[in-house]
Every structure is written in C-alpha cells, then in structure tokens.
C-alpha atoms as a PDB file:
ATOM      1  CA  MET A   1     -49.837   1.565 111.606  1.00  0.00           C
ATOM      2  CA  ASP A   2     -48.662   4.027 108.953  1.00  0.00           C
ATOM      3  CA  THR A   3     -44.948   4.503 109.613  1.00  0.00           C
ATOM      4  CA  GLN A   4     -45.000   7.745 107.610  1.00  0.00           C
ATOM      5  CA  LYS A   5     -47.110   9.301 110.352  1.00  0.00           C
ATOM      6  CA  LEU A   6     -44.484   8.267 112.897  1.00  0.00           C
ATOM      7  CA  LEU A   7     -41.822   9.986 110.790  1.00  0.00           C
ATOM      8  CA  HIS A   8     -43.985  13.110 110.756  1.00  0.00           C
ATOM      9  CA  LEU A   9     -44.167  12.921 114.552  1.00  0.00           C
ATOM     10  CA  LEU A  10     -40.377  12.658 114.818  1.00  0.00           C
ATOM     11  CA  ALA A  11     -39.980  15.607 112.457  1.00  0.00           C
ATOM     12  CA  VAL A  12     -42.109  17.813 114.726  1.00  0.00           C
ATOM     13  CA  VAL A  13     -40.126  16.740 117.799  1.00  0.00           C
ATOM     14  CA  GLU A  14     -36.729  17.194 116.163  1.00  0.00           C
ATOM     15  CA  HIS A  15     -37.516  20.539 114.492  1.00  0.00           C
ATOM     16  CA  GLY A  16     -39.434  21.987 117.425  1.00  0.00           C
ATOM     17  CA  THR A  17     -42.401  23.468 115.567  1.00  0.00           C
ATOM     18  CA  PHE A  18     -45.030  22.244 113.121  1.00  0.00           C
ATOM     19  CA  SER A  19     -44.024  24.888 110.582  1.00  0.00           C
ATOM     20  CA  GLU A  20     -40.337  23.894 110.554  1.00  0.00           C
ATOM     21  CA  ALA A  21     -41.233  20.200 110.484  1.00  0.00           C
ATOM     22  CA  ALA A  22     -43.633  20.728 107.567  1.00  0.00           C
ATOM     23  CA  ARG A  23     -40.861  22.333 105.523  1.00  0.00           C
ATOM     24  CA  ALA A  24     -38.506  19.479 106.397  1.00  0.00           C
ATOM     25  CA  VAL A  25     -40.925  16.765 105.227  1.00  0.00           C
ATOM     26  CA  HIS A  26     -42.169  18.774 102.228  1.00  0.00           C
ATOM     27  CA  LEU A  27     -45.765  19.119 103.404  1.00  0.00           C
ATOM     28  CA  THR A  28     -47.997  22.076 104.082  1.00  0.00           C
ATOM     29  CA  GLN A  29     -48.495  22.781 107.766  1.00  0.00           C
ATOM     30  CA  PRO A  30     -52.242  21.850 107.631  1.00  0.00           C
ATOM     31  CA  ALA A  31     -51.368  18.530 105.967  1.00  0.00           C
ATOM     32  CA  LEU A  32     -48.785  17.763 108.648  1.00  0.00           C
ATOM     33  CA  SER A  33     -51.266  18.662 111.390  1.00  0.00           C
ATOM     34  CA  ARG A  34     -53.824  16.301 109.839  1.00  0.00           C
ATOM     35  CA  SER A  35     -51.254  13.517 109.799  1.00  0.00           C
ATOM     36  CA  ILE A  36     -50.503  14.017 113.515  1.00  0.00           C
ATOM     37  CA  ARG A  37     -54.205  14.163 114.407  1.00  0.00           C
ATOM     38  CA  SER A  38     -54.796  10.969 112.438  1.00  0.00           C
ATOM     39  CA  LEU A  39     -51.999   9.284 114.400  1.00  0.00           C
ATOM     40  CA  GLU A  40     -53.504  10.497 117.683  1.00  0.00           C
ATOM     41  CA  ASP A  41     -56.915   9.126 116.640  1.00  0.00           C
ATOM     42  CA  GLU A  42     -55.353   5.794 115.740  1.00  0.00           C
ATOM     43  CA  LEU A  43     -53.501   5.568 119.049  1.00  0.00           C
ATOM     44  CA  ARG A  44     -56.397   7.090 120.999  1.00  0.00           C
ATOM     45  CA  ALA A  45     -54.001   9.350 122.893  1.00  0.00           C
ATOM     46  CA  PRO A  46     -52.977  13.039 122.684  1.00  0.00           C
ATOM     47  CA  LEU A  47     -49.351  13.327 121.634  1.00  0.00           C
ATOM     48  CA  PHE A  48     -48.828  17.100 122.020  1.00  0.00           C
ATOM     49  CA  ASP A  49     -49.977  19.740 124.466  1.00  0.00           C
ATOM     50  CA  ARG A  50     -51.855  22.210 122.293  1.00  0.00           C
ATOM     51  CA  GLY A  51     -51.499  25.981 122.566  1.00  0.00           C
ATOM     52  CA  ALA A  52     -47.747  26.317 123.240  1.00  0.00           C
ATOM     53  CA  ARG A  53     -45.562  28.160 120.696  1.00  0.00           C
ATOM     54  CA  ARG A  54     -43.301  25.125 120.413  1.00  0.00           C
ATOM     55  CA  ALA A  55     -44.405  21.505 120.263  1.00  0.00           C
ATOM     56  CA  HIS A  56     -44.423  19.883 123.727  1.00  0.00           C
ATOM     57  CA  LEU A  57     -44.968  16.150 124.051  1.00  0.00           C
ATOM     58  CA  THR A  58     -47.458  14.628 126.461  1.00  0.00           C
ATOM     59  CA  VAL A  59     -46.433  11.534 128.435  1.00  0.00           C
ATOM     60  CA  PHE A  60     -48.146   9.488 125.710  1.00  0.00           C
ATOM     61  CA  GLY A  61     -46.183  11.368 123.079  1.00  0.00           C
ATOM     62  CA  GLN A  62     -42.885  10.688 124.836  1.00  0.00           C
ATOM     63  CA  LEU A  63     -43.566   6.946 124.793  1.00  0.00           C
ATOM     64  CA  VAL A  64     -44.568   6.935 121.115  1.00  0.00           C
ATOM     65  CA  VAL A  65     -41.517   8.996 120.124  1.00  0.00           C
ATOM     66  CA  GLU A  66     -39.187   6.586 121.918  1.00  0.00           C
ATOM     67  CA  ARG A  67     -40.661   3.608 120.058  1.00  0.00           C
ATOM     68  CA  ALA A  68     -40.768   5.519 116.754  1.00  0.00           C
ATOM     69  CA  ARG A  69     -37.045   6.230 116.972  1.00  0.00           C
ATOM     70  CA  ARG A  70     -36.365   2.533 117.476  1.00  0.00           C
ATOM     71  CA  MET A  71     -38.500   1.722 114.443  1.00  0.00           C
ATOM     72  CA  ARG A  72     -36.638   4.313 112.341  1.00  0.00           C
ATOM     73  CA  LEU A  73     -33.331   2.782 113.404  1.00  0.00           C
ATOM     74  CA  GLU A  74     -34.564  -0.691 112.452  1.00  0.00           C
ATOM     75  CA  GLU A  75     -35.750   0.638 109.094  1.00  0.00           C
ATOM     76  CA  ALA A  76     -32.303   2.092 108.403  1.00  0.00           C
ATOM     77  CA  GLN A  77     -30.722  -1.242 109.369  1.00  0.00           C
ATOM     78  CA  LEU A  78     -33.088  -3.050 106.996  1.00  0.00           C
ATOM     79  CA  LYS A  79     -32.037  -0.768 104.135  1.00  0.00           C
ATOM     80  CA  ARG A  80     -28.350  -1.417 104.880  1.00  0.00           C
ATOM     81  CA  ASP A  81     -28.948  -5.183 104.876  1.00  0.00           C
ATOM     82  CA  LEU A  82     -30.770  -4.935 101.545  1.00  0.00           C
ATOM     83  CA  ASP A  83     -27.793  -3.017 100.141  1.00  0.00           C
ATOM     84  CA  LEU A  84     -25.661  -6.026 101.046  1.00  0.00           C
ATOM     85  CA  LEU A  85     -27.954  -8.263  99.005  1.00  0.00           C
ATOM     86  CA  ARG A  86     -27.794  -5.914  96.021  1.00  0.00           C
ATOM     87  CA  GLY A  87     -24.056  -6.435  95.832  1.00  0.00           C
ATOM     88  CA  GLY A  88     -23.116  -2.845  96.370  1.00  0.00           C
ATOM     89  CA  GLU A  89     -24.390  -1.514  93.069  1.00  0.00           C
ATOM     90  CA  GLU A  90     -26.942   0.752  94.735  1.00  0.00           C
ATOM     91  CA  GLY A  91     -27.322   2.369  98.133  1.00  0.00           C
ATOM     92  CA  SER A  92     -26.415   5.533  99.952  1.00  0.00           C
ATOM     93  CA  LEU A  93     -23.746   6.826 102.298  1.00  0.00           C
ATOM     94  CA  THR A  94     -23.602   9.934 104.462  1.00  0.00           C
ATOM     95  CA  ILE A  95     -20.126  10.833 105.715  1.00  0.00           C
ATOM     96  CA  GLY A  96     -19.217  13.232 108.503  1.00  0.00           C
ATOM     97  CA  VAL A  97     -15.655  14.526 108.147  1.00  0.00           C
ATOM     98  CA  ALA A  98     -13.512  16.782 110.331  1.00  0.00           C
ATOM     99  CA  PRO A  99     -11.830  19.697 108.467  1.00  0.00           C
ATOM    100  CA  ALA A 100      -8.339  18.241 107.941  1.00  0.00           C
ATOM    101  CA  PRO A 101      -9.533  14.794 106.808  1.00  0.00           C
ATOM    102  CA  ALA A 102     -12.085  16.544 104.579  1.00  0.00           C
ATOM    103  CA  ALA A 103      -9.309  18.428 102.777  1.00  0.00           C
ATOM    104  CA  LEU A 104      -7.284  15.239 102.364  1.00  0.00           C
ATOM    105  CA  LEU A 105      -9.960  12.670 101.627  1.00  0.00           C
ATOM    106  CA  LEU A 106     -13.178  13.987 100.121  1.00  0.00           C
ATOM    107  CA  THR A 107     -12.064  14.981  96.629  1.00  0.00           C
ATOM    108  CA  PRO A 108     -10.207  11.727  95.851  1.00  0.00           C
ATOM    109  CA  PHE A 109     -12.971   9.627  97.435  1.00  0.00           C
ATOM    110  CA  LEU A 110     -15.764  11.331  95.511  1.00  0.00           C
ATOM    111  CA  ILE A 111     -13.772  10.926  92.279  1.00  0.00           C
ATOM    112  CA  HIS A 112     -13.352   7.239  93.136  1.00  0.00           C
ATOM    113  CA  MET A 113     -17.071   6.730  93.810  1.00  0.00           C
ATOM    114  CA  ALA A 114     -18.192   8.664  90.727  1.00  0.00           C
ATOM    115  CA  SER A 115     -15.860   6.541  88.609  1.00  0.00           C
ATOM    116  CA  THR A 116     -16.451   3.097  90.127  1.00  0.00           C
ATOM    117  CA  ARG A 117     -19.895   3.175  91.816  1.00  0.00           C
ATOM    118  CA  PRO A 118     -21.889   5.922  90.139  1.00  0.00           C
ATOM    119  CA  ARG A 119     -25.272   4.623  91.362  1.00  0.00           C
ATOM    120  CA  ILE A 120     -24.406   4.957  95.050  1.00  0.00           C
ATOM    121  CA  LYS A 121     -25.593   8.247  96.547  1.00  0.00           C
ATOM    122  CA  VAL A 122     -22.925   9.953  98.660  1.00  0.00           C
ATOM    123  CA  ARG A 123     -23.605  12.945 100.919  1.00  0.00           C
ATOM    124  CA  THR A 124     -20.928  14.685 102.973  1.00  0.00           C
ATOM    125  CA  GLU A 125     -21.017  16.862 106.072  1.00  0.00           C
ATOM    126  CA  THR A 126     -18.009  18.728 107.438  1.00  0.00           C
ATOM    127  CA  GLY A 127     -17.659  19.879 111.036  1.00  0.00           C
ATOM    128  CA  ALA A 128     -16.035  19.441 114.420  1.00  0.00           C
ATOM    129  CA  THR A 129     -15.802  15.829 115.576  1.00  0.00           C
ATOM    130  CA  ARG A 130     -17.917  16.371 118.720  1.00  0.00           C
ATOM    131  CA  ALA A 131     -20.809  17.720 116.638  1.00  0.00           C
ATOM    132  CA  LEU A 132     -20.433  14.921 114.093  1.00  0.00           C
ATOM    133  CA  LEU A 133     -20.600  12.361 116.899  1.00  0.00           C
ATOM    134  CA  ASP A 134     -24.032  13.696 117.892  1.00  0.00           C
ATOM    135  CA  HIS A 135     -25.163  13.359 114.282  1.00  0.00           C
ATOM    136  CA  LEU A 136     -23.841   9.790 114.130  1.00  0.00           C
ATOM    137  CA  ARG A 137     -25.840   8.835 117.204  1.00  0.00           C
ATOM    138  CA  SER A 138     -29.009  10.364 115.769  1.00  0.00           C
ATOM    139  CA  GLU A 139     -28.497   8.398 112.515  1.00  0.00           C
ATOM    140  CA  ALA A 140     -28.117  11.602 110.499  1.00  0.00           C
ATOM    141  CA  ILE A 141     -24.758  10.318 109.234  1.00  0.00           C
ATOM    142  CA  ASP A 142     -23.380   6.792 108.767  1.00  0.00           C
ATOM    143  CA  VAL A 143     -19.703   7.251 109.557  1.00  0.00           C
ATOM    144  CA  ILE A 144     -17.169   9.760 110.850  1.00  0.00           C
ATOM    145  CA  VAL A 145     -13.600  10.459 109.804  1.00  0.00           C
ATOM    146  CA  GLY A 146     -12.497  12.573 112.736  1.00  0.00           C
ATOM    147  CA  ASP A 147     -10.382  13.243 115.817  1.00  0.00           C
ATOM    148  CA  ALA A 148      -9.283   9.921 117.326  1.00  0.00           C
ATOM    149  CA  TYR A 149      -8.844  11.435 120.805  1.00  0.00           C
ATOM    150  CA  ILE A 150     -12.531  12.353 120.923  1.00  0.00           C
ATOM    151  CA  LEU A 151     -13.818   9.204 119.241  1.00  0.00           C
ATOM    152  CA  GLN A 152     -11.850   6.815 121.450  1.00  0.00           C
ATOM    153  CA  HIS A 153     -13.842   7.851 124.525  1.00  0.00           C
ATOM    154  CA  ALA A 154     -17.230   7.053 122.951  1.00  0.00           C
ATOM    155  CA  GLU A 155     -18.276   3.613 124.176  1.00  0.00           C
ATOM    156  CA  ASP A 156     -21.164   3.172 121.732  1.00  0.00           C
ATOM    157  CA  ILE A 157     -19.087   3.282 118.521  1.00  0.00           C
ATOM    158  CA  ASP A 158     -16.639   1.065 116.660  1.00  0.00           C
ATOM    159  CA  MET A 159     -13.453   3.043 116.014  1.00  0.00           C
ATOM    160  CA  GLU A 160     -10.604   2.206 113.652  1.00  0.00           C
ATOM    161  CA  PRO A 161      -7.485   4.392 114.067  1.00  0.00           C
ATOM    162  CA  LEU A 162      -5.835   5.811 110.957  1.00  0.00           C
ATOM    163  CA  GLY A 163      -2.154   6.656 110.579  1.00  0.00           C
ATOM    164  CA  GLU A 164      -0.797   9.737 112.350  1.00  0.00           C
ATOM    165  CA  LEU A 165      -0.008  12.825 110.272  1.00  0.00           C
ATOM    166  CA  PRO A 166       2.607  15.449 111.284  1.00  0.00           C
ATOM    167  CA  ALA A 167       1.403  18.983 111.963  1.00  0.00           C
ATOM    168  CA  GLY A 168       3.277  22.237 111.530  1.00  0.00           C
ATOM    169  CA  LEU A 169       3.306  25.815 110.301  1.00  0.00           C
ATOM    170  CA  VAL A 170       3.433  26.865 106.633  1.00  0.00           C
ATOM    171  CA  CYS A 171       3.576  30.180 104.785  1.00  0.00           C
ATOM    172  CA  ARG A 172       3.799  31.513 101.240  1.00  0.00           C
ATOM    173  CA  ALA A 173       7.150  31.433  99.489  1.00  0.00           C
ATOM    174  CA  GLY A 174       9.109  34.627 100.193  1.00  0.00           C
ATOM    175  CA  HIS A 175       7.357  35.287 103.512  1.00  0.00           C
ATOM    176  CA  PRO A 176       9.407  37.629 105.778  1.00  0.00           C
ATOM    177  CA  ILE A 177       9.343  35.116 108.646  1.00  0.00           C
ATOM    178  CA  LEU A 178      11.667  32.877 106.631  1.00  0.00           C
ATOM    179  CA  SER A 179      14.494  35.419 107.003  1.00  0.00           C
ATOM    180  CA  GLU A 180      14.331  35.305 110.824  1.00  0.00           C
ATOM    181  CA  ARG A 181      17.284  33.668 112.535  1.00  0.00           C
ATOM    182  CA  ARG A 182      15.216  32.360 115.409  1.00  0.00           C
ATOM    183  CA  ILE A 183      11.523  31.619 115.253  1.00  0.00           C
ATOM    184  CA  ASP A 184       9.720  31.538 118.594  1.00  0.00           C
ATOM    185  CA  ILE A 185       6.157  32.156 119.735  1.00  0.00           C
ATOM    186  CA  ASP A 186       6.629  35.952 119.684  1.00  0.00           C
ATOM    187  CA  THR A 187       7.964  35.830 116.118  1.00  0.00           C
ATOM    188  CA  ILE A 188       4.973  33.778 115.011  1.00  0.00           C
ATOM    189  CA  ARG A 189       2.456  36.020 116.767  1.00  0.00           C
ATOM    190  CA  ALA A 190       3.734  39.025 114.808  1.00  0.00           C
ATOM    191  CA  TYR A 191       1.667  37.668 111.898  1.00  0.00           C
ATOM    192  CA  PRO A 192      -1.931  36.467 111.557  1.00  0.00           C
ATOM    193  CA  VAL A 193      -2.080  32.734 112.210  1.00  0.00           C
ATOM    194  CA  ALA A 194      -4.874  30.705 110.618  1.00  0.00           C
ATOM    195  CA  THR A 195      -6.172  27.280 111.542  1.00  0.00           C
ATOM    196  CA  THR A 196      -9.171  24.976 111.428  1.00  0.00           C
ATOM    197  CA  THR A 197     -10.713  23.175 114.388  1.00  0.00           C
ATOM    198  CA  LEU A 198      -7.574  21.431 115.645  1.00  0.00           C
ATOM    199  CA  SER A 199      -7.392  17.838 116.790  1.00  0.00           C
ATOM    200  CA  THR A 200      -7.244  17.328 120.548  1.00  0.00           C
ATOM    201  CA  ALA A 201      -3.735  15.894 120.259  1.00  0.00           C
ATOM    202  CA  VAL A 202      -2.347  18.982 118.519  1.00  0.00           C
ATOM    203  CA  THR A 203      -4.118  21.352 120.931  1.00  0.00           C
ATOM    204  CA  ARG A 204      -2.675  19.505 123.930  1.00  0.00           C
ATOM    205  CA  ARG A 205       0.803  19.630 122.445  1.00  0.00           C
ATOM    206  CA  LEU A 206       0.548  23.392 121.890  1.00  0.00           C
ATOM    207  CA  GLU A 207      -0.437  23.837 125.539  1.00  0.00           C
ATOM    208  CA  GLU A 208       2.510  21.706 126.668  1.00  0.00           C
ATOM    209  CA  VAL A 209       4.947  23.835 124.659  1.00  0.00           C
ATOM    210  CA  TYR A 210       3.426  27.326 124.926  1.00  0.00           C
ATOM    211  CA  GLY A 211       1.299  27.148 128.069  1.00  0.00           C
ATOM    212  CA  PRO A 212      -2.445  27.144 128.880  1.00  0.00           C
ATOM    213  CA  ASP A 213      -4.827  28.651 126.326  1.00  0.00           C
ATOM    214  CA  ALA A 214      -2.039  28.622 123.731  1.00  0.00           C
ATOM    215  CA  ALA A 215      -4.491  27.990 120.905  1.00  0.00           C
ATOM    216  CA  ASP A 216      -6.645  30.989 121.846  1.00  0.00           C
ATOM    217  CA  LYS A 217      -3.613  33.254 122.132  1.00  0.00           C
ATOM    218  CA  LEU A 218      -1.885  32.055 118.979  1.00  0.00           C
ATOM    219  CA  PHE A 219      -4.610  31.867 116.331  1.00  0.00           C
ATOM    220  CA  SER A 220      -6.419  34.872 114.910  1.00  0.00           C
ATOM    221  CA  LEU A 221      -8.107  33.340 111.844  1.00  0.00           C
ATOM    222  CA  HIS A 222     -10.438  30.341 112.275  1.00  0.00           C
ATOM    223  CA  CYS A 223     -12.162  28.571 109.398  1.00  0.00           C
ATOM    224  CA  ASP A 224     -13.070  24.926 108.824  1.00  0.00           C
ATOM    225  CA  ASN A 225     -12.660  25.279 105.054  1.00  0.00           C
ATOM    226  CA  LEU A 226      -9.003  24.606 104.323  1.00  0.00           C
ATOM    227  CA  ASP A 227      -9.307  25.678 100.688  1.00  0.00           C
ATOM    228  CA  VAL A 228     -10.135  29.148 101.998  1.00  0.00           C
ATOM    229  CA  LEU A 229      -7.230  29.153 104.469  1.00  0.00           C
ATOM    230  CA  ARG A 230      -4.729  27.965 101.861  1.00  0.00           C
ATOM    231  CA  ASN A 231      -5.704  30.870  99.616  1.00  0.00           C
ATOM    232  CA  VAL A 232      -5.430  33.332 102.498  1.00  0.00           C
ATOM    233  CA  ALA A 233      -1.934  32.079 103.307  1.00  0.00           C
ATOM    234  CA  LEU A 234      -0.891  32.145  99.643  1.00  0.00           C
ATOM    235  CA  HIS A 235      -1.931  35.781  99.147  1.00  0.00           C
ATOM    236  CA  THR A 236      -1.104  37.400 102.507  1.00  0.00           C
ATOM    237  CA  ASP A 237       1.422  37.216 105.330  1.00  0.00           C
ATOM    238  CA  ALA A 238      -0.906  34.923 107.281  1.00  0.00           C
ATOM    239  CA  LEU A 239       0.648  31.679 108.530  1.00  0.00           C
ATOM    240  CA  LEU A 240      -1.294  28.418 108.295  1.00  0.00           C
ATOM    241  CA  PHE A 241      -1.072  25.870 111.088  1.00  0.00           C
ATOM    242  CA  GLY A 242      -2.330  22.308 110.815  1.00  0.00           C
ATOM    243  CA  VAL A 243      -1.640  18.891 109.333  1.00  0.00           C
ATOM    244  CA  LEU A 244       1.189  19.328 106.830  1.00  0.00           C
ATOM    245  CA  SER A 245      -0.276  16.907 104.292  1.00  0.00           C
ATOM    246  CA  VAL A 246      -3.001  19.450 103.557  1.00  0.00           C
ATOM    247  CA  THR A 247      -0.436  21.694 101.805  1.00  0.00           C
ATOM    248  CA  ARG A 248       1.719  18.982 100.234  1.00  0.00           C
ATOM    249  CA  GLU A 249       0.932  20.070  96.652  1.00  0.00           C
ATOM    250  CA  GLU A 250       1.639  23.762  97.344  1.00  0.00           C
ATOM    251  CA  ARG A 251       4.934  22.911  99.050  1.00  0.00           C
ATOM    252  CA  ALA A 252       5.963  20.491  96.319  1.00  0.00           C
ATOM    253  CA  SER A 253       5.404  23.235  93.713  1.00  0.00           C
ATOM    254  CA  GLY A 254       7.353  25.800  95.772  1.00  0.00           C
ATOM    255  CA  ARG A 255       4.364  28.096  96.345  1.00  0.00           C
ATOM    256  CA  MET A 256       4.345  27.388 100.084  1.00  0.00           C
ATOM    257  CA  VAL A 257       7.112  26.594 102.555  1.00  0.00           C
ATOM    258  CA  GLU A 258       7.135  24.936 105.959  1.00  0.00           C
ATOM    259  CA  VAL A 259       8.216  27.418 108.641  1.00  0.00           C
ATOM    260  CA  PRO A 260      11.304  25.999 110.391  1.00  0.00           C
ATOM    261  CA  MET A 261      10.414  24.811 113.881  1.00  0.00           C
ATOM    262  CA  PRO A 262      12.198  22.362 116.191  1.00  0.00           C
ATOM    263  CA  PRO A 263      11.343  18.771 115.138  1.00  0.00           C
ATOM    264  CA  ASP A 264       8.618  17.349 117.374  1.00  0.00           C
ATOM    265  CA  PRO A 265       7.429  13.758 116.777  1.00  0.00           C
ATOM    266  CA  THR A 266       4.432  14.349 119.071  1.00  0.00           C
ATOM    267  CA  ARG A 267       3.112  17.293 117.030  1.00  0.00           C
ATOM    268  CA  ARG A 268       0.732  15.146 115.024  1.00  0.00           C
ATOM    269  CA  GLY A 269      -2.900  14.841 114.088  1.00  0.00           C
ATOM    270  CA  ARG A 270      -4.506  11.544 115.036  1.00  0.00           C
ATOM    271  CA  TYR A 271      -7.642  10.574 113.169  1.00  0.00           C
ATOM    272  CA  ALA A 272      -9.954   7.582 112.970  1.00  0.00           C
ATOM    273  CA  LEU A 273     -12.925   6.049 111.205  1.00  0.00           C
ATOM    274  CA  ALA A 274     -15.977   5.492 113.422  1.00  0.00           C
ATOM    275  CA  ARG A 275     -19.454   4.043 113.056  1.00  0.00           C
ATOM    276  CA  MET A 276     -22.114   2.988 115.548  1.00  0.00           C
ATOM    277  CA  ALA A 277     -21.272  -0.291 117.267  1.00  0.00           C
ATOM    278  CA  ALA A 278     -22.884  -3.533 116.073  1.00  0.00           C
ATOM    279  CA  ARG A 279     -23.906  -2.057 112.713  1.00  0.00           C
ATOM    280  CA  SER A 280     -23.499  -4.140 109.569  1.00  0.00           C
ATOM    281  CA  MET A 281     -21.066  -2.811 106.996  1.00  0.00           C
ATOM    282  CA  SER A 282     -22.940  -1.771 103.841  1.00  0.00           C
ATOM    283  CA  PRO A 283     -21.102  -2.045 100.504  1.00  0.00           C
ATOM    284  CA  ALA A 284     -20.914   1.742 100.254  1.00  0.00           C
ATOM    285  CA  LEU A 285     -19.486   1.993 103.768  1.00  0.00           C
ATOM    286  CA  GLN A 286     -17.020  -0.796 103.025  1.00  0.00           C
ATOM    287  CA  ALA A 287     -15.891   1.167  99.965  1.00  0.00           C
ATOM    288  CA  LEU A 288     -15.199   4.204 102.159  1.00  0.00           C
ATOM    289  CA  TYR A 289     -13.221   2.128 104.681  1.00  0.00           C
ATOM    290  CA  ASP A 290     -11.140   0.429 101.988  1.00  0.00           C
ATOM    291  CA  PHE A 291     -10.403   3.685 100.174  1.00  0.00           C
ATOM    292  CA  THR A 292      -9.587   5.630 103.355  1.00  0.00           C
ATOM    293  CA  ARG A 293      -7.201   2.965 104.667  1.00  0.00           C
ATOM    294  CA  ALA A 294      -5.260   2.927 101.396  1.00  0.00           C
ATOM    295  CA  HIS A 295      -5.284   6.721 101.002  1.00  0.00           C
ATOM    296  CA  TRP A 296      -4.080   7.286 104.557  1.00  0.00           C
ATOM    297  CA  ARG A 297      -1.196   4.857 104.053  1.00  0.00           C
ATOM    298  CA  GLU A 298      -0.125   6.927 101.054  1.00  0.00           C
ATOM    299  CA  LEU A 299      -0.316  10.161 103.068  1.00  0.00           C
ATOM    300  CA  ALA A 300       1.693   8.674 105.944  1.00  0.00           C
ATOM    301  CA  SER A 301       4.360   7.408 103.522  1.00  0.00           C
ATOM    302  CA  GLU A 302       4.915  10.964 102.198  1.00  0.00           C
ATOM    303  CA  THR A 303       6.222  12.258 105.548  1.00  0.00           C
ATOM    304  CA  ASP A 304       9.113  11.355 107.781  1.00  0.00           C
ATOM    305  CA  GLY A 305       9.257  11.358 111.587  1.00  0.00           C
ATOM    306  CA  GLY A 306      10.274  15.008 111.789  1.00  0.00           C
ATOM    307  CA  GLY A 307       7.090  16.290 110.217  1.00  0.00           C
ATOM    308  CA  ARG A 308       8.638  17.377 106.900  1.00  0.00           C
ATOM    309  CA  LEU A 309       8.205  15.939 103.459  1.00  0.00           C
ATOM    310  CA  ALA A 310      10.588  13.047 102.948  1.00  0.00           C
END
C-alpha cells in the first residue's frame, strides 16, 4: 500500500476539506481527489460520503484513518531511531514553548544549535500550554517547554520539572508609580497592566491575594510576544507583570525597575519539559534537554528567594 495516499487521507480529515488539504500537501485538488479515489479502489471501500461541503468519513474511512494515524506515528518513531544511529549530526526538532520560556530560552538555544549542530532542522511554535499539549499528542510538535501545573496532570507524557522563577511587576525607569508611598491593587490598576498567558501557579496566587477573577480585573493588555510587551512598558506608563527573568537585562541596565511589592516566595512561575511517554530521545531532543537544564539553572541562580535580582 502506498503510504503517501494514507497521508493524503489524513490531510483531508485534519483540514476538513479537499481544497484545504490539497494546499497543505502541495497538490492540486484534482490530483488529491485522484489519490483518494485510488486508495478507495485499492481498499475496495468508500472512505468519504460524497456531496457534503466538508469531508465526512464513512465507517470504512474511520477505520482506515485510525490505522493510518498509527502508521504515521510509527514512521515518526522510525525516523527518530534513525537519527540516533546517525549520531545526532542530522535530524529535526519541533519545539512548542509557552510565552515566558520562549522569551528566556529560544534565542540562546537557536544560537547554540546554529553554532554546534547546523544540520539539524529546528522549528518553533509559541502558544498557551494547553494548546501545545494538543499539538504534542497529534505529533505536530516533539516537545513542550510549558506550564508545569498543566503538564503534571497529563498522564500520557513524560514531564521533567524545571527550576522555579520568581514573578513580579516591572515598569520603565522614572515611572510615577515609583514615587507612591504605598502600592496596592488600586494603585496598580491606575495604569495599564500588560501580561502574557500566565502560568497556572501565578494566576492562582493572584486570586489568593486579590480575590476571584483577579487576572481579568487587573490586566488590560494581553500579548504572548514578550518583546512587544517589553517595548510597550519601556515607552509608556504600562506596567509589565510576569516572570522577572524576562526583564533581567533591562533592569540590569537601569532602563526598567521592579515595582516594590511585599516579598512573596509563592509568586513564581513553574515550568517543565514534556514529551510523549515511552518515546526515544533523539539527539536533537537530547540537545534541547541538556541546554534547557543548564540554562534554567543559570536563570534560577540570578534570583534570590524574594523575587528580586540577587
């Protein structure tokens, strides 16, 4: 059986229509339709109900799709095992990263890979951990660096916790909030407050301190690109809330300042590495794990227990 035809079948199912699937697999729609008809002829069974606007599987199609997904998974496993035999000089890696880890990890990791393993293909995807977990399960990505509180409840993955990182509030140097004698929730809410998708741990802590729906009430600017939020905070009176390590360079240079808040050792982001359980570790994936462990130790060593730079 031609496995390419099975991949065409999966493309139609996962994209919903023949036209979208054809674009995804770089075929014309007539060519994709011929491939599916050829597969149906080979299997002697109709795979789709014809005539509907979107592609609907028959009972035969449902069975074939289930087996095709298993075959695709086995093919991916075979490629990973071959990477092991090649000694890590070639291969590929697709990483899903939550916003804060993306700001802390991706640039140094990509520099490391470009310098030490230039033949390994690395693709990155940034997003909320729950969405990345769906992509991990569908084999769209190989690994997640994300929210440990979400990942720890997934029974089908192997999770490795990373060091905790203090969270807090920062602003540009000279911000008027720094002249306030007492900074409480009302003082903070007098200014725009920006954040990314927060870790579950930080969100829970905000609710413990400021009450239910604190995150919705407190934050007015949401963006998962921390480079954008840093620039907004540097050029306006917006305050930036999140993991403090993200702004370590700006604070070290004096361009940004941590807003004084009562020390809180529980106000921390907790992140982890995660991959599907029982998967072999490819050389490229091993490189990510080794680099991330070392990089996170460095980040954790930069902060003390109170959440400020040591």
